[in-house]
Amino acid sequence: HLEEHLKELEEFTRRLYAKNPKYEPDPKAREANIQGIFHDAALPYPCYRKIPSHQILTEAFAEKIQCPDRVFLLSLGLVKSIRETYQPEDKVILSSLQVPLESLQKLYVNISQVNWRLKVYRDGAGRLLFCTNEAGDHGYINMGYEVIMTRILTRVTDDIYLRGGSPPKFIFNMSTVFLAIVL
């Protein structure tokens, strides 16, 4: 599922950049960011290479951020979260059945948190941090990303179920703290 997750996230990132050009106005810089996140090119902000995914995701939604590109932070955090689960540095994993159940459950919680935060987190002016859809009568609604996030969550849910884990509705935690994926 790793390759499918990454393919979906790359599409998600491209859509976010298209809807949120304020975070990176230069199309060439956006493409360089995408290449750095998904295709092992140089990261434009190398300080994030060693930071764990949960810290990057937390910063993506923080009121004050060090990196001006929230789309970069969100995408890098999601990709790192998935790679920390499916490609741990100290193990070779050939099948998702080898991924520890606890890691899959933490991944599900993290992605669910992102899904929720995309819908509700706003800046100081009351605007959503990430616009993912066209404006409606009452402002922006963040539903354009739902199909992609649902596909990713469904695959993670399938992996949890195959490992004998509880259905996600029992493990979903609506806290606002991202969990570290510790393998």
N, C-alpha and C. Protein backbone atom coordinates (compact mmCIF):
# COMPACT_ATOMS: atom_id res chain seq x y z
N HIS A 1 0.79 -1.21 0.00
CA HIS A 1 0.00 0.00 0.00
C HIS A 1 0.83 1.28 0.00
N LEU A 2 2.09 1.14 0.30
CA LEU A 2 2.95 2.32 0.41
C LEU A 2 2.92 3.16 -0.87
N GLU A 3 3.13 2.52 -2.01
CA GLU A 3 3.17 3.26 -3.28
C GLU A 3 1.82 3.92 -3.58
N GLU A 4 0.73 3.25 -3.25
CA GLU A 4 -0.60 3.83 -3.47
C GLU A 4 -0.81 5.05 -2.59
N HIS A 5 -0.39 4.94 -1.31
CA HIS A 5 -0.50 6.08 -0.40
C HIS A 5 0.28 7.28 -0.94
N LEU A 6 1.52 7.03 -1.36
CA LEU A 6 2.37 8.12 -1.84
C LEU A 6 1.82 8.76 -3.11
N LYS A 7 1.28 7.94 -4.00
CA LYS A 7 0.67 8.46 -5.23
C LYS A 7 -0.52 9.37 -4.90
N GLU A 8 -1.36 8.91 -3.97
CA GLU A 8 -2.52 9.71 -3.55
C GLU A 8 -2.07 11.01 -2.89
N LEU A 9 -1.05 10.94 -2.04
CA LEU A 9 -0.58 12.14 -1.36
C LEU A 9 0.06 13.14 -2.31
N GLU A 10 0.72 12.65 -3.34
CA GLU A 10 1.28 13.58 -4.33
C GLU A 10 0.16 14.33 -5.05
N GLU A 11 -0.89 13.62 -5.42
CA GLU A 11 -2.04 14.28 -6.04
C GLU A 11 -2.67 15.28 -5.07
N PHE A 12 -2.81 14.88 -3.82
CA PHE A 12 -3.35 15.74 -2.76
C PHE A 12 -2.52 17.02 -2.64
N THR A 13 -1.19 16.87 -2.65
CA THR A 13 -0.29 18.01 -2.52
C THR A 13 -0.43 18.96 -3.71
N ARG A 14 -0.49 18.41 -4.90
CA ARG A 14 -0.66 19.25 -6.09
C ARG A 14 -1.97 20.04 -6.03
N ARG A 15 -3.03 19.39 -5.56
CA ARG A 15 -4.32 20.07 -5.42
C ARG A 15 -4.24 21.17 -4.36
N LEU A 16 -3.58 20.86 -3.24
CA LEU A 16 -3.45 21.87 -2.19
C LEU A 16 -2.68 23.09 -2.68
N TYR A 17 -1.58 22.86 -3.41
CA TYR A 17 -0.83 23.99 -3.95
C TYR A 17 -1.67 24.80 -4.94
N ALA A 18 -2.49 24.12 -5.73
CA ALA A 18 -3.34 24.83 -6.69
C ALA A 18 -4.37 25.71 -5.98
N LYS A 19 -4.89 25.25 -4.86
CA LYS A 19 -5.90 26.00 -4.12
C LYS A 19 -5.30 26.98 -3.11
N ASN A 20 -4.04 26.80 -2.76
CA ASN A 20 -3.39 27.62 -1.73
C ASN A 20 -2.07 28.21 -2.22
N PRO A 21 -2.09 28.98 -3.30
CA PRO A 21 -0.83 29.52 -3.82
C PRO A 21 -0.15 30.50 -2.88
N LYS A 22 -0.87 30.99 -1.87
CA LYS A 22 -0.28 31.96 -0.94
C LYS A 22 0.89 31.36 -0.16
N TYR A 23 0.91 30.05 0.02
CA TYR A 23 1.99 29.43 0.78
C TYR A 23 3.27 29.28 -0.05
N GLU A 24 3.14 29.15 -1.35
CA GLU A 24 4.31 29.12 -2.25
C GLU A 24 3.86 29.65 -3.60
N PRO A 25 4.02 30.96 -3.85
CA PRO A 25 3.53 31.56 -5.10
C PRO A 25 4.28 31.12 -6.35
N ASP A 26 5.52 30.70 -6.23
CA ASP A 26 6.34 30.34 -7.39
C ASP A 26 6.08 28.90 -7.82
N PRO A 27 5.53 28.68 -9.03
CA PRO A 27 5.25 27.30 -9.50
C PRO A 27 6.50 26.41 -9.55
N LYS A 28 7.65 26.98 -9.89
CA LYS A 28 8.88 26.18 -9.93
C LYS A 28 9.29 25.74 -8.53
N ALA A 29 9.12 26.61 -7.57
CA ALA A 29 9.44 26.25 -6.18
C ALA A 29 8.47 25.19 -5.67
N ARG A 30 7.19 25.30 -6.05
CA ARG A 30 6.21 24.27 -5.66
C ARG A 30 6.62 22.91 -6.20
N GLU A 31 7.01 22.88 -7.47
CA GLU A 31 7.43 21.61 -8.08
C GLU A 31 8.68 21.08 -7.39
N ALA A 32 9.61 21.95 -7.04
CA ALA A 32 10.82 21.52 -6.32
C ALA A 32 10.44 20.94 -4.95
N ASN A 33 9.47 21.54 -4.29
CA ASN A 33 9.00 21.00 -3.01
C ASN A 33 8.42 19.61 -3.19
N ILE A 34 7.59 19.44 -4.21
CA ILE A 34 6.97 18.14 -4.48
C ILE A 34 8.04 17.10 -4.79
N GLN A 35 9.02 17.47 -5.60
CA GLN A 35 10.11 16.54 -5.92
C GLN A 35 10.89 16.17 -4.66
N GLY A 36 11.11 17.13 -3.79
CA GLY A 36 11.83 16.87 -2.55
C GLY A 36 11.08 15.95 -1.61
N ILE A 37 9.77 16.10 -1.56
CA ILE A 37 8.96 15.28 -0.66
C ILE A 37 8.78 13.87 -1.21
N PHE A 38 8.46 13.75 -2.49
CA PHE A 38 8.03 12.47 -3.04
C PHE A 38 9.09 11.73 -3.86
N HIS A 39 10.10 12.43 -4.34
CA HIS A 39 11.04 11.79 -5.27
C HIS A 39 12.49 11.92 -4.84
N ASP A 40 12.72 12.04 -3.56
CA ASP A 40 14.07 12.05 -2.98
C ASP A 40 14.99 13.11 -3.56
N ALA A 41 14.44 14.19 -4.06
CA ALA A 41 15.27 15.33 -4.47
C ALA A 41 15.62 16.11 -3.19
N ALA A 42 16.40 17.14 -3.33
CA ALA A 42 16.78 17.95 -2.18
C ALA A 42 15.56 18.65 -1.59
N LEU A 43 15.43 18.59 -0.27
CA LEU A 43 14.35 19.31 0.39
C LEU A 43 14.68 20.80 0.42
N PRO A 44 13.71 21.65 0.14
CA PRO A 44 13.98 23.09 0.18
C PRO A 44 14.24 23.59 1.61
N TYR A 45 13.74 22.86 2.58
CA TYR A 45 13.96 23.18 3.99
C TYR A 45 14.59 21.94 4.64
N PRO A 46 15.90 21.77 4.51
CA PRO A 46 16.55 20.53 4.96
C PRO A 46 16.46 20.29 6.47
N CYS A 47 16.17 21.32 7.24
CA CYS A 47 16.07 21.15 8.69
C CYS A 47 14.94 20.18 9.06
N TYR A 48 13.98 19.96 8.17
CA TYR A 48 12.86 19.06 8.45
C TYR A 48 13.16 17.60 8.14
N ARG A 49 14.30 17.31 7.58
CA ARG A 49 14.64 15.93 7.21
C ARG A 49 14.69 15.01 8.43
N LYS A 50 15.20 15.48 9.55
CA LYS A 50 15.38 14.64 10.75
C LYS A 50 14.25 14.77 11.77
N ILE A 51 13.32 15.68 11.54
CA ILE A 51 12.23 15.90 12.50
C ILE A 51 11.16 14.83 12.30
N PRO A 52 10.66 14.22 13.39
CA PRO A 52 9.61 13.20 13.27
C PRO A 52 8.31 13.77 12.69
N SER A 53 7.54 12.90 12.09
CA SER A 53 6.32 13.31 11.38
C SER A 53 5.34 14.05 12.28
N HIS A 54 5.14 13.58 13.49
CA HIS A 54 4.13 14.21 14.34
C HIS A 54 4.48 15.66 14.67
N GLN A 55 5.77 15.97 14.77
CA GLN A 55 6.17 17.36 15.03
C GLN A 55 5.94 18.24 13.79
N ILE A 56 6.20 17.68 12.62
CA ILE A 56 5.97 18.44 11.38
C ILE A 56 4.48 18.70 11.18
N LEU A 57 3.66 17.67 11.43
CA LEU A 57 2.21 17.84 11.29
C LEU A 57 1.67 18.86 12.30
N THR A 58 2.20 18.83 13.51
CA THR A 58 1.78 19.80 14.51
C THR A 58 2.12 21.21 14.05
N GLU A 59 3.32 21.40 13.51
CA GLU A 59 3.72 22.73 13.03
C GLU A 59 2.86 23.19 11.85
N ALA A 60 2.44 22.26 10.99
CA ALA A 60 1.64 22.64 9.82
C ALA A 60 0.34 23.34 10.23
N PHE A 61 -0.17 23.01 11.41
CA PHE A 61 -1.43 23.61 11.87
C PHE A 61 -1.23 24.61 13.00
N ALA A 62 0.02 24.88 13.37
CA ALA A 62 0.31 25.81 14.46
C ALA A 62 -0.01 27.24 14.05
N GLU A 63 -0.28 28.07 15.05
CA GLU A 63 -0.58 29.47 14.78
C GLU A 63 0.64 30.18 14.20
N LYS A 64 1.80 29.94 14.81
CA LYS A 64 3.05 30.53 14.33
C LYS A 64 3.95 29.41 13.85
N ILE A 65 4.46 29.55 12.63
CA ILE A 65 5.29 28.50 12.05
C ILE A 65 6.63 29.07 11.61
N GLN A 66 7.64 28.20 11.58
CA GLN A 66 8.97 28.62 11.13
C GLN A 66 9.05 28.62 9.61
N CYS A 67 8.43 27.63 8.99
CA CYS A 67 8.45 27.49 7.53
C CYS A 67 7.21 28.20 6.97
N PRO A 68 7.35 29.07 6.00
CA PRO A 68 6.19 29.80 5.48
C PRO A 68 5.25 28.95 4.62
N ASP A 69 5.65 27.75 4.24
CA ASP A 69 4.88 26.92 3.32
C ASP A 69 4.16 25.80 4.08
N ARG A 70 2.92 26.06 4.48
CA ARG A 70 2.14 25.06 5.23
C ARG A 70 1.84 23.81 4.39
N VAL A 71 1.66 23.98 3.09
CA VAL A 71 1.39 22.82 2.23
C VAL A 71 2.59 21.88 2.26
N PHE A 72 3.79 22.44 2.19
CA PHE A 72 5.01 21.64 2.29
C PHE A 72 5.04 20.88 3.61
N LEU A 73 4.77 21.58 4.72
CA LEU A 73 4.80 20.94 6.04
C LEU A 73 3.76 19.82 6.14
N LEU A 74 2.55 20.10 5.70
CA LEU A 74 1.48 19.10 5.77
C LEU A 74 1.83 17.87 4.94
N SER A 75 2.27 18.08 3.72
CA SER A 75 2.59 16.96 2.84
C SER A 75 3.78 16.17 3.34
N LEU A 76 4.84 16.86 3.76
CA LEU A 76 6.01 16.17 4.30
C LEU A 76 5.66 15.39 5.55
N GLY A 77 4.85 15.97 6.42
CA GLY A 77 4.43 15.27 7.64
C GLY A 77 3.64 14.01 7.35
N LEU A 78 2.72 14.08 6.38
CA LEU A 78 1.93 12.90 6.02
C LEU A 78 2.81 11.82 5.39
N VAL A 79 3.70 12.23 4.49
CA VAL A 79 4.58 11.25 3.83
C VAL A 79 5.50 10.60 4.86
N LYS A 80 6.07 11.39 5.76
CA LYS A 80 6.95 10.82 6.78
C LYS A 80 6.18 9.88 7.70
N SER A 81 4.95 10.24 8.03
CA SER A 81 4.13 9.39 8.89
C SER A 81 3.89 8.03 8.24
N ILE A 82 3.59 8.04 6.95
CA ILE A 82 3.37 6.79 6.22
C ILE A 82 4.66 6.00 6.10
N ARG A 83 5.75 6.67 5.79
CA ARG A 83 7.04 5.96 5.66
C ARG A 83 7.52 5.42 7.00
N GLU A 84 7.29 6.15 8.09
CA GLU A 84 7.68 5.66 9.41
C GLU A 84 6.93 4.37 9.75
N THR A 85 5.73 4.23 9.22
CA THR A 85 4.93 3.03 9.48
C THR A 85 5.31 1.89 8.55
N TYR A 86 5.35 2.16 7.25
CA TYR A 86 5.53 1.10 6.26
C TYR A 86 6.99 0.85 5.86
N GLN A 87 7.89 1.77 6.18
CA GLN A 87 9.31 1.62 5.85
C GLN A 87 10.19 1.99 7.04
N PRO A 88 10.07 1.27 8.15
CA PRO A 88 10.92 1.62 9.29
C PRO A 88 12.40 1.43 8.94
N GLU A 89 13.23 2.30 9.52
CA GLU A 89 14.66 2.28 9.17
C GLU A 89 15.36 1.00 9.62
N ASP A 90 14.86 0.38 10.68
CA ASP A 90 15.57 -0.77 11.24
C ASP A 90 15.00 -2.13 10.80
N LYS A 91 14.01 -2.14 9.91
CA LYS A 91 13.39 -3.40 9.49
C LYS A 91 13.16 -3.41 7.99
N VAL A 92 13.10 -4.62 7.43
CA VAL A 92 12.70 -4.79 6.04
C VAL A 92 11.28 -5.35 6.07
N ILE A 93 10.35 -4.62 5.46
CA ILE A 93 8.96 -5.04 5.45
C ILE A 93 8.56 -5.34 4.02
N LEU A 94 8.15 -6.59 3.79
CA LEU A 94 7.75 -7.01 2.45
C LEU A 94 6.24 -6.97 2.25
N SER A 95 5.50 -7.01 3.36
CA SER A 95 4.04 -7.04 3.29
C SER A 95 3.49 -6.19 4.42
N SER A 96 2.32 -5.62 4.21
CA SER A 96 1.70 -4.81 5.27
C SER A 96 1.34 -5.67 6.47
N LEU A 97 1.30 -6.99 6.30
CA LEU A 97 1.04 -7.88 7.43
C LEU A 97 2.20 -7.89 8.43
N GLN A 98 3.36 -7.41 8.02
CA GLN A 98 4.52 -7.34 8.90
C GLN A 98 4.57 -6.04 9.70
N VAL A 99 3.74 -5.08 9.35
CA VAL A 99 3.73 -3.80 10.06
C VAL A 99 3.06 -4.01 11.41
N PRO A 100 3.68 -3.55 12.50
CA PRO A 100 3.06 -3.71 13.82
C PRO A 100 1.68 -3.03 13.89
N LEU A 101 0.75 -3.71 14.52
CA LEU A 101 -0.62 -3.22 14.63
C LEU A 101 -0.66 -1.83 15.29
N GLU A 102 0.14 -1.64 16.33
CA GLU A 102 0.15 -0.35 17.03
C GLU A 102 0.57 0.79 16.10
N SER A 103 1.52 0.51 15.22
CA SER A 103 1.97 1.53 14.27
C SER A 103 0.87 1.89 13.29
N LEU A 104 0.14 0.89 12.82
CA LEU A 104 -0.98 1.15 11.91
C LEU A 104 -2.07 1.96 12.59
N GLN A 105 -2.35 1.63 13.85
CA GLN A 105 -3.38 2.36 14.58
C GLN A 105 -2.96 3.82 14.80
N LYS A 106 -1.69 4.05 15.10
CA LYS A 106 -1.21 5.42 15.27
C LYS A 106 -1.26 6.18 13.95
N LEU A 107 -0.94 5.51 12.86
CA LEU A 107 -1.03 6.14 11.54
C LEU A 107 -2.47 6.54 11.25
N TYR A 108 -3.41 5.66 11.55
CA TYR A 108 -4.82 5.95 11.33
C TYR A 108 -5.24 7.19 12.13
N VAL A 109 -4.82 7.26 13.38
CA VAL A 109 -5.17 8.40 14.23
C VAL A 109 -4.57 9.68 13.65
N ASN A 110 -3.31 9.63 13.24
CA ASN A 110 -2.66 10.82 12.68
C ASN A 110 -3.36 11.32 11.42
N ILE A 111 -3.68 10.40 10.52
CA ILE A 111 -4.35 10.81 9.28
C ILE A 111 -5.76 11.31 9.56
N SER A 112 -6.44 10.68 10.51
CA SER A 112 -7.77 11.16 10.91
C SER A 112 -7.69 12.56 11.50
N GLN A 113 -6.63 12.82 12.28
CA GLN A 113 -6.43 14.15 12.84
C GLN A 113 -6.25 15.19 11.74
N VAL A 114 -5.43 14.86 10.75
CA VAL A 114 -5.23 15.77 9.62
C VAL A 114 -6.56 16.03 8.93
N ASN A 115 -7.31 14.98 8.69
CA ASN A 115 -8.61 15.09 8.04
C ASN A 115 -9.52 16.06 8.81
N TRP A 116 -9.56 15.91 10.11
CA TRP A 116 -10.39 16.76 10.96
C TRP A 116 -9.86 18.20 10.96
N ARG A 117 -8.55 18.36 11.13
CA ARG A 117 -7.97 19.71 11.20
C ARG A 117 -8.15 20.48 9.89
N LEU A 118 -8.10 19.79 8.77
CA LEU A 118 -8.34 20.47 7.49
C LEU A 118 -9.73 21.11 7.45
N LYS A 119 -10.68 20.50 8.13
CA LYS A 119 -12.05 21.00 8.13
C LYS A 119 -12.26 22.16 9.08
N VAL A 120 -11.47 22.23 10.15
CA VAL A 120 -11.82 23.19 11.21
C VAL A 120 -10.75 24.22 11.56
N TYR A 121 -9.48 23.98 11.29
CA TYR A 121 -8.45 24.93 11.73
C TYR A 121 -8.45 26.19 10.87
N ARG A 122 -8.43 27.32 11.57
CA ARG A 122 -8.52 28.61 10.91
C ARG A 122 -7.38 29.52 11.37
N ASP A 123 -7.11 30.52 10.55
CA ASP A 123 -6.08 31.50 10.92
C ASP A 123 -6.71 32.58 11.81
N GLY A 124 -5.92 33.57 12.17
CA GLY A 124 -6.40 34.64 13.05
C GLY A 124 -7.56 35.43 12.46
N ALA A 125 -7.67 35.46 11.14
CA ALA A 125 -8.76 36.20 10.48
C ALA A 125 -10.01 35.34 10.29
N GLY A 126 -9.98 34.10 10.76
CA GLY A 126 -11.15 33.23 10.65
C GLY A 126 -11.25 32.45 9.35
N ARG A 127 -10.20 32.50 8.51
CA ARG A 127 -10.20 31.74 7.26
C ARG A 127 -9.56 30.38 7.51
N LEU A 128 -10.07 29.37 6.80
CA LEU A 128 -9.47 28.04 6.90
C LEU A 128 -8.01 28.10 6.50
N LEU A 129 -7.16 27.35 7.22
CA LEU A 129 -5.73 27.35 6.90
C LEU A 129 -5.47 26.80 5.50
N PHE A 130 -6.23 25.77 5.12
CA PHE A 130 -6.06 25.13 3.82
C PHE A 130 -7.38 25.13 3.08
N CYS A 131 -7.44 25.84 1.97
CA CYS A 131 -8.63 25.81 1.12
C CYS A 131 -8.48 24.62 0.18
N THR A 132 -9.48 23.76 0.16
CA THR A 132 -9.41 22.57 -0.69
C THR A 132 -10.59 22.49 -1.65
N ASN A 133 -11.44 23.48 -1.65
CA ASN A 133 -12.61 23.45 -2.52
C ASN A 133 -12.95 24.88 -2.91
N GLU A 134 -13.88 25.03 -3.83
CA GLU A 134 -14.32 26.36 -4.26
C GLU A 134 -15.17 27.00 -3.17
N ALA A 135 -15.31 28.29 -3.26
CA ALA A 135 -16.11 29.03 -2.28
C ALA A 135 -17.59 28.74 -2.47
N GLY A 136 -18.26 28.57 -1.35
CA GLY A 136 -19.71 28.40 -1.37
C GLY A 136 -20.36 29.70 -0.92
N ASP A 137 -21.65 29.67 -0.66
CA ASP A 137 -22.37 30.87 -0.23
C ASP A 137 -21.87 31.41 1.10
N HIS A 138 -21.38 30.54 1.95
CA HIS A 138 -20.95 30.94 3.28
C HIS A 138 -19.44 30.81 3.45
N GLY A 139 -18.69 30.94 2.40
CA GLY A 139 -17.23 30.86 2.48
C GLY A 139 -16.72 29.53 1.98
N TYR A 140 -15.47 29.23 2.29
CA TYR A 140 -14.84 28.01 1.81
C TYR A 140 -15.29 26.80 2.61
N ILE A 141 -15.49 25.70 1.92
CA ILE A 141 -15.78 24.44 2.58
C ILE A 141 -14.69 23.46 2.18
N ASN A 142 -14.18 22.74 3.13
CA ASN A 142 -13.06 21.84 2.88
C ASN A 142 -13.53 20.41 2.67
N MET A 143 -14.08 20.14 1.51
CA MET A 143 -14.51 18.78 1.21
C MET A 143 -13.83 18.23 -0.04
N GLY A 144 -13.09 19.02 -0.77
CA GLY A 144 -12.46 18.58 -2.01
C GLY A 144 -11.41 17.50 -1.81
N TYR A 145 -10.81 17.44 -0.66
CA TYR A 145 -9.76 16.47 -0.38
C TYR A 145 -10.32 15.14 0.13
N GLU A 146 -11.60 15.09 0.45
CA GLU A 146 -12.19 13.94 1.14
C GLU A 146 -11.98 12.61 0.43
N VAL A 147 -12.12 12.59 -0.88
CA VAL A 147 -11.98 11.32 -1.61
C VAL A 147 -10.58 10.75 -1.43
N ILE A 148 -9.57 11.59 -1.56
CA ILE A 148 -8.19 11.12 -1.43
C ILE A 148 -7.93 10.63 -0.01
N MET A 149 -8.33 11.41 0.98
CA MET A 149 -8.09 11.02 2.37
C MET A 149 -8.86 9.74 2.72
N THR A 150 -10.07 9.60 2.17
CA THR A 150 -10.86 8.40 2.43
C THR A 150 -10.18 7.16 1.85
N ARG A 151 -9.61 7.28 0.66
CA ARG A 151 -8.89 6.14 0.07
C ARG A 151 -7.72 5.72 0.95
N ILE A 152 -6.95 6.69 1.42
CA ILE A 152 -5.80 6.38 2.28
C ILE A 152 -6.27 5.74 3.58
N LEU A 153 -7.27 6.34 4.22
CA LEU A 153 -7.78 5.79 5.48
C LEU A 153 -8.36 4.39 5.29
N THR A 154 -9.01 4.15 4.16
CA THR A 154 -9.57 2.83 3.89
C THR A 154 -8.47 1.78 3.78
N ARG A 155 -7.38 2.11 3.10
CA ARG A 155 -6.27 1.16 3.00
C ARG A 155 -5.63 0.89 4.36
N VAL A 156 -5.48 1.93 5.17
CA VAL A 156 -4.92 1.73 6.51
C VAL A 156 -5.88 0.89 7.34
N THR A 157 -7.18 1.16 7.22
CA THR A 157 -8.19 0.37 7.92
C THR A 157 -8.12 -1.10 7.51
N ASP A 158 -7.97 -1.35 6.23
CA ASP A 158 -7.84 -2.72 5.75
C ASP A 158 -6.62 -3.41 6.37
N ASP A 159 -5.50 -2.69 6.44
CA ASP A 159 -4.30 -3.26 7.04
C ASP A 159 -4.51 -3.55 8.53
N ILE A 160 -5.21 -2.65 9.22
CA ILE A 160 -5.50 -2.88 10.64
C ILE A 160 -6.38 -4.11 10.79
N TYR A 161 -7.40 -4.21 9.97
CA TYR A 161 -8.31 -5.35 10.04
C TYR A 161 -7.58 -6.66 9.74
N LEU A 162 -6.71 -6.65 8.73
CA LEU A 162 -5.95 -7.86 8.38
C LEU A 162 -5.01 -8.28 9.50
N ARG A 163 -4.58 -7.34 10.31
CA ARG A 163 -3.69 -7.65 11.43
C ARG A 163 -4.49 -8.06 12.66
N GLY A 164 -5.82 -8.06 12.55
CA GLY A 164 -6.65 -8.48 13.67
C GLY A 164 -6.98 -7.36 14.63
N GLY A 165 -6.83 -6.13 14.19
CA GLY A 165 -7.09 -4.98 15.06
C GLY A 165 -8.55 -4.61 15.10
N SER A 166 -8.87 -3.73 16.02
CA SER A 166 -10.23 -3.23 16.17
C SER A 166 -10.59 -2.33 15.01
N PRO A 167 -11.86 -2.28 14.68
CA PRO A 167 -12.29 -1.32 13.66
C PRO A 167 -11.91 0.09 14.10
N PRO A 168 -11.59 0.94 13.15
CA PRO A 168 -11.09 2.28 13.47
C PRO A 168 -12.01 3.11 14.35
N LYS A 169 -13.33 2.88 14.29
CA LYS A 169 -14.21 3.71 15.11
C LYS A 169 -13.93 3.53 16.59
N PHE A 170 -13.30 2.41 16.96
CA PHE A 170 -12.95 2.19 18.35
C PHE A 170 -11.59 2.76 18.71
N ILE A 171 -10.74 2.98 17.71
CA ILE A 171 -9.42 3.50 18.04
C ILE A 171 -9.27 4.97 17.73
N PHE A 172 -10.23 5.56 17.03
CA PHE A 172 -10.10 6.98 16.67
C PHE A 172 -10.14 7.83 17.93
N ASN A 173 -9.18 8.70 18.06
CA ASN A 173 -9.06 9.57 19.21
C ASN A 173 -9.13 11.01 18.71
N MET A 174 -10.08 11.77 19.19
CA MET A 174 -10.30 13.12 18.68
C MET A 174 -9.43 14.16 19.39
N SER A 175 -8.37 13.73 20.04
CA SER A 175 -7.48 14.68 20.70
C SER A 175 -6.81 15.54 19.64
N THR A 176 -6.15 16.58 20.09
CA THR A 176 -5.47 17.46 19.13
C THR A 176 -3.97 17.28 19.16
N VAL A 177 -3.52 16.16 19.68
CA VAL A 177 -2.09 15.88 19.74
C VAL A 177 -1.78 14.73 18.79
N PHE A 178 -0.81 14.91 17.91
CA PHE A 178 -0.40 13.84 17.03
C PHE A 178 0.44 12.85 17.82
N LEU A 179 0.27 11.58 17.54
CA LEU A 179 1.05 10.55 18.20
C LEU A 179 2.31 10.28 17.42
N ALA A 180 3.39 10.07 18.14
CA ALA A 180 4.64 9.68 17.49
C ALA A 180 4.52 8.22 17.07
N ILE A 181 4.99 7.91 15.90
CA ILE A 181 4.99 6.53 15.45
C ILE A 181 6.33 5.95 15.87
N VAL A 182 6.28 5.14 16.91
CA VAL A 182 7.49 4.54 17.44
C VAL A 182 7.45 3.06 17.10
N LEU A 183 8.43 2.62 16.37
CA LEU A 183 8.44 1.21 15.96
C LEU A 183 9.38 0.43 16.81
